[in-house]
Amino acid sequence: MTSDPDQQSAVAKRLRRALGASTMTLDELSRRLQPLGVEHTRSTVHRYMSGASEPTLRWVMVAAPILGVRVEWLATGEEPWRISS
């Protein structure tokens, strides 16, 4: 998505916020991603959340709706962050 280290850590921060606001655990998110054809192992998702690795845009596009947040927010921080019902 970006090579800017500050943006990478911002993506990780937003991912942690989204998971924290959901009712899911890290393991459950990993399980829900598995059939969708994106990186899904617990260790991969943990690396994304810690900022050690950066998720691809495709991963963000798949994970955002599962987490109940907008793709634009997870990728860039553009508000609002939650998906409107």
Protein backbone atom coordinates (compact mmCIF):
# COMPACT_ATOMS: atom_id res chain seq x y z
CA MET A 1 0.00 0.00 0.00
CA THR A 2 2.68 2.53 0.96
CA SER A 3 6.38 2.65 1.70
CA ASP A 4 6.01 5.49 4.24
CA PRO A 5 6.81 4.01 7.70
CA ASP A 6 4.48 6.45 9.46
CA GLN A 7 1.60 5.42 7.20
CA GLN A 8 2.42 1.75 7.80
CA SER A 9 2.20 2.18 11.55
CA ALA A 10 -1.03 4.14 11.05
CA VAL A 11 -2.53 1.19 9.15
CA ALA A 12 -1.50 -1.12 11.98
CA LYS A 13 -3.05 1.26 14.52
CA ARG A 14 -6.33 1.38 12.58
CA LEU A 15 -6.34 -2.40 12.25
CA ARG A 16 -5.89 -2.77 16.02
CA ARG A 17 -8.69 -0.25 16.62
CA ALA A 18 -11.03 -2.09 14.25
CA LEU A 19 -10.36 -5.49 15.79
CA GLY A 20 -10.71 -4.05 19.29
CA ALA A 21 -14.08 -2.54 18.42
CA SER A 22 -15.31 -5.79 16.89
CA THR A 23 -16.43 -8.82 18.84
CA MET A 24 -13.75 -10.94 17.16
CA THR A 25 -10.50 -12.32 18.42
CA LEU A 26 -7.38 -12.41 16.28
CA ASP A 27 -7.93 -16.15 15.79
CA GLU A 28 -11.51 -15.62 14.64
CA LEU A 29 -10.46 -12.95 12.16
CA SER A 30 -7.84 -15.35 10.79
CA ARG A 31 -10.47 -18.09 10.42
CA ARG A 32 -12.91 -15.76 8.65
CA LEU A 33 -10.22 -14.64 6.20
CA GLN A 34 -9.15 -18.21 5.34
CA PRO A 35 -11.78 -19.05 2.68
CA LEU A 36 -11.45 -15.62 1.03
CA GLY A 37 -8.10 -16.17 -0.66
CA VAL A 38 -5.92 -13.71 1.28
CA GLU A 39 -3.13 -14.15 3.82
CA HIS A 40 -4.92 -15.35 6.91
CA THR A 41 -2.61 -17.07 9.35
CA ARG A 42 -2.66 -15.76 12.89
CA SER A 43 1.01 -14.81 12.65
CA THR A 44 0.45 -12.87 9.41
CA VAL A 45 -2.48 -10.93 10.84
CA HIS A 46 -0.45 -10.26 13.99
CA ARG A 47 2.43 -8.88 11.88
CA TYR A 48 -0.04 -6.54 10.15
CA MET A 49 -1.43 -5.40 13.49
CA SER A 50 2.03 -4.80 14.95
CA GLY A 51 3.27 -2.89 11.91
CA ALA A 52 6.01 -5.47 11.26
CA SER A 53 4.47 -6.18 7.84
CA GLU A 54 2.11 -4.22 5.63
CA PRO A 55 -1.12 -5.74 4.32
CA THR A 56 -1.81 -5.58 0.61
CA LEU A 57 -4.67 -3.44 -0.64
CA ARG A 58 -6.51 -6.65 -1.56
CA TRP A 59 -6.16 -7.86 2.04
CA VAL A 60 -7.51 -4.55 3.34
CA MET A 61 -10.42 -4.73 0.89
CA VAL A 62 -11.34 -8.22 2.14
CA ALA A 63 -10.73 -7.61 5.85
CA ALA A 64 -12.45 -4.23 6.23
CA PRO A 65 -16.04 -5.47 5.76
CA ILE A 66 -15.39 -8.41 8.09
CA LEU A 67 -14.26 -5.91 10.72
CA GLY A 68 -17.22 -3.62 10.01
CA VAL A 69 -15.09 -0.71 8.84
CA ARG A 70 -14.75 1.16 5.57
CA VAL A 71 -11.95 0.11 3.21
CA GLU A 72 -11.01 3.79 2.75
CA TRP A 73 -10.61 4.26 6.48
CA LEU A 74 -8.55 1.12 7.02
CA ALA A 75 -6.29 1.92 4.06
CA THR A 76 -5.91 5.69 4.47
CA GLY A 77 -7.64 6.90 7.62
CA GLU A 78 -10.38 8.70 5.69
CA GLU A 79 -13.36 9.12 8.01
CA PRO A 80 -15.95 7.91 8.80
CA TRP A 81 -14.45 4.66 9.95
CA ARG A 82 -17.45 2.40 10.46
CA ILE A 83 -19.65 1.03 7.73
CA SER A 84 -23.02 2.76 7.81
CA SER A 85 -26.01 0.49 8.09
